[in-house]
Amino acid sequence: MEDNALVAILKELVGNLCEKDREKVLECAARVRGVLAEYPEHRMIAFALVGAEMSGEVSE
């Protein structure tokens, strides 16, 4: 899996969290869990990106 695919899923998750769309958040969270189950080495990258996105440190 490419890191860009994980980043795209995480950005979508953060966007849905900010919009407070519970259904979409749960859908994205399930996709993130699936990626992390298959690629556990991405776990720390995922946590760092979500934290940075939510704090506004990362933007497109």
N, C-alpha and C. Protein backbone atom coordinates (compact mmCIF):
# COMPACT_ATOMS: atom_id res chain seq x y z
N MET A 1 0.84 -1.19 0.00
CA MET A 1 0.00 0.00 0.00
C MET A 1 0.88 1.24 0.00
N GLU A 2 0.48 2.22 -0.77
CA GLU A 2 1.22 3.47 -0.81
C GLU A 2 0.82 4.35 0.36
N ASP A 3 1.79 5.11 0.87
CA ASP A 3 1.50 6.02 1.97
C ASP A 3 0.43 7.03 1.57
N ASN A 4 0.41 7.43 0.29
CA ASN A 4 -0.57 8.42 -0.16
C ASN A 4 -2.00 7.94 0.02
N ALA A 5 -2.24 6.65 -0.15
CA ALA A 5 -3.58 6.11 0.03
C ALA A 5 -4.00 6.23 1.49
N LEU A 6 -3.09 5.93 2.40
CA LEU A 6 -3.39 6.06 3.83
C LEU A 6 -3.64 7.52 4.18
N VAL A 7 -2.82 8.41 3.65
CA VAL A 7 -2.99 9.84 3.91
C VAL A 7 -4.35 10.31 3.42
N ALA A 8 -4.78 9.85 2.26
CA ALA A 8 -6.08 10.25 1.72
C ALA A 8 -7.22 9.79 2.64
N ILE A 9 -7.15 8.56 3.12
CA ILE A 9 -8.18 8.05 4.03
C ILE A 9 -8.19 8.87 5.32
N LEU A 10 -7.00 9.17 5.85
CA LEU A 10 -6.92 9.92 7.10
C LEU A 10 -7.44 11.35 6.94
N LYS A 11 -7.15 11.98 5.81
CA LYS A 11 -7.66 13.33 5.57
C LYS A 11 -9.19 13.32 5.50
N GLU A 12 -9.73 12.29 4.85
CA GLU A 12 -11.18 12.15 4.77
C GLU A 12 -11.77 11.95 6.17
N LEU A 13 -11.12 11.13 6.98
CA LEU A 13 -11.57 10.89 8.35
C LEU A 13 -11.59 12.19 9.15
N VAL A 14 -10.50 12.95 9.07
CA VAL A 14 -10.42 14.21 9.81
C VAL A 14 -11.48 15.19 9.33
N GLY A 15 -11.68 15.27 8.02
CA GLY A 15 -12.72 16.15 7.49
C GLY A 15 -14.09 15.79 8.01
N ASN A 16 -14.38 14.50 8.06
CA ASN A 16 -15.66 14.04 8.58
C ASN A 16 -15.79 14.31 10.07
N LEU A 17 -14.69 14.19 10.81
CA LEU A 17 -14.72 14.52 12.24
C LEU A 17 -15.05 16.00 12.43
N CYS A 18 -14.43 16.84 11.63
CA CYS A 18 -14.67 18.28 11.74
C CYS A 18 -16.10 18.64 11.37
N GLU A 19 -16.67 17.91 10.41
CA GLU A 19 -18.06 18.16 10.00
C GLU A 19 -19.05 17.47 10.94
N LYS A 20 -18.55 16.65 11.84
CA LYS A 20 -19.37 15.91 12.80
C LYS A 20 -20.37 14.99 12.10
N ASP A 21 -19.93 14.37 11.01
CA ASP A 21 -20.76 13.42 10.27
C ASP A 21 -20.45 12.02 10.81
N ARG A 22 -21.22 11.59 11.79
CA ARG A 22 -20.94 10.35 12.51
C ARG A 22 -20.87 9.13 11.60
N GLU A 23 -21.79 9.02 10.66
CA GLU A 23 -21.83 7.85 9.77
C GLU A 23 -20.56 7.77 8.92
N LYS A 24 -20.14 8.90 8.37
CA LYS A 24 -18.93 8.92 7.55
C LYS A 24 -17.69 8.69 8.40
N VAL A 25 -17.69 9.22 9.63
CA VAL A 25 -16.56 8.99 10.53
C VAL A 25 -16.41 7.50 10.81
N LEU A 26 -17.50 6.83 11.10
CA LEU A 26 -17.44 5.40 11.38
C LEU A 26 -16.97 4.61 10.17
N GLU A 27 -17.42 5.01 8.98
CA GLU A 27 -17.00 4.35 7.75
C GLU A 27 -15.49 4.51 7.53
N CYS A 28 -15.00 5.73 7.69
CA CYS A 28 -13.57 5.99 7.52
C CYS A 28 -12.75 5.29 8.59
N ALA A 29 -13.24 5.30 9.81
CA ALA A 29 -12.52 4.65 10.90
C ALA A 29 -12.37 3.15 10.62
N ALA A 30 -13.40 2.55 10.06
CA ALA A 30 -13.32 1.13 9.71
C ALA A 30 -12.27 0.91 8.62
N ARG A 31 -12.21 1.81 7.65
CA ARG A 31 -11.19 1.70 6.60
C ARG A 31 -9.79 1.87 7.17
N VAL A 32 -9.62 2.82 8.09
CA VAL A 32 -8.32 3.03 8.72
C VAL A 32 -7.92 1.79 9.51
N ARG A 33 -8.86 1.23 10.27
CA ARG A 33 -8.56 0.01 11.04
C ARG A 33 -8.13 -1.12 10.11
N GLY A 34 -8.78 -1.23 8.97
CA GLY A 34 -8.41 -2.26 8.00
C GLY A 34 -7.00 -2.07 7.48
N VAL A 35 -6.67 -0.84 7.15
CA VAL A 35 -5.31 -0.54 6.67
C VAL A 35 -4.29 -0.84 7.74
N LEU A 36 -4.56 -0.41 8.97
CA LEU A 36 -3.60 -0.62 10.05
C LEU A 36 -3.47 -2.10 10.41
N ALA A 37 -4.54 -2.86 10.25
CA ALA A 37 -4.45 -4.30 10.51
C ALA A 37 -3.56 -4.98 9.47
N GLU A 38 -3.66 -4.50 8.23
CA GLU A 38 -2.86 -5.09 7.15
C GLU A 38 -1.43 -4.55 7.13
N TYR A 39 -1.27 -3.29 7.53
CA TYR A 39 0.03 -2.63 7.49
C TYR A 39 0.33 -1.98 8.84
N PRO A 40 0.63 -2.77 9.88
CA PRO A 40 0.83 -2.21 11.22
C PRO A 40 1.99 -1.22 11.30
N GLU A 41 2.92 -1.27 10.36
CA GLU A 41 4.03 -0.33 10.39
C GLU A 41 3.59 1.11 10.13
N HIS A 42 2.38 1.29 9.63
CA HIS A 42 1.86 2.63 9.36
C HIS A 42 1.16 3.25 10.58
N ARG A 43 1.05 2.51 11.67
CA ARG A 43 0.28 2.97 12.83
C ARG A 43 0.75 4.33 13.35
N MET A 44 2.05 4.49 13.56
CA MET A 44 2.55 5.75 14.11
C MET A 44 2.39 6.89 13.10
N ILE A 45 2.56 6.58 11.82
CA ILE A 45 2.35 7.60 10.78
C ILE A 45 0.90 8.07 10.84
N ALA A 46 -0.03 7.13 10.97
CA ALA A 46 -1.45 7.47 11.01
C ALA A 46 -1.78 8.36 12.19
N PHE A 47 -1.30 8.00 13.37
CA PHE A 47 -1.59 8.81 14.55
C PHE A 47 -0.99 10.20 14.42
N ALA A 48 0.22 10.29 13.90
CA ALA A 48 0.87 11.59 13.74
C ALA A 48 0.11 12.47 12.74
N LEU A 49 -0.33 11.88 11.63
CA LEU A 49 -1.04 12.67 10.63
C LEU A 49 -2.39 13.15 11.14
N VAL A 50 -3.13 12.29 11.82
CA VAL A 50 -4.43 12.71 12.35
C VAL A 50 -4.23 13.82 13.36
N GLY A 51 -3.25 13.68 14.24
CA GLY A 51 -2.99 14.72 15.23
C GLY A 51 -2.61 16.04 14.57
N ALA A 52 -1.76 15.99 13.56
CA ALA A 52 -1.33 17.20 12.87
C ALA A 52 -2.49 17.83 12.11
N GLU A 53 -3.29 17.02 11.45
CA GLU A 53 -4.44 17.54 10.70
C GLU A 53 -5.42 18.24 11.64
N MET A 54 -5.71 17.60 12.77
CA MET A 54 -6.71 18.16 13.67
C MET A 54 -6.20 19.42 14.37
N SER A 55 -4.89 19.54 14.52
CA SER A 55 -4.34 20.74 15.16
C SER A 55 -4.10 21.85 14.15
N GLY A 56 -4.30 21.55 12.87
CA GLY A 56 -4.12 22.56 11.83
C GLY A 56 -2.70 22.71 11.36
N GLU A 57 -1.82 21.80 11.73
CA GLU A 57 -0.42 21.88 11.33
C GLU A 57 -0.20 21.46 9.89
N VAL A 58 -1.11 20.69 9.33
CA VAL A 58 -0.95 20.19 7.97
C VAL A 58 -2.12 20.69 7.14
N SER A 59 -1.82 21.17 5.96
CA SER A 59 -2.89 21.59 5.05
C SER A 59 -2.47 21.22 3.64
N GLU A 60 -3.44 21.20 2.74
CA GLU A 60 -3.13 20.83 1.36
C GLU A 60 -2.52 21.97 0.62
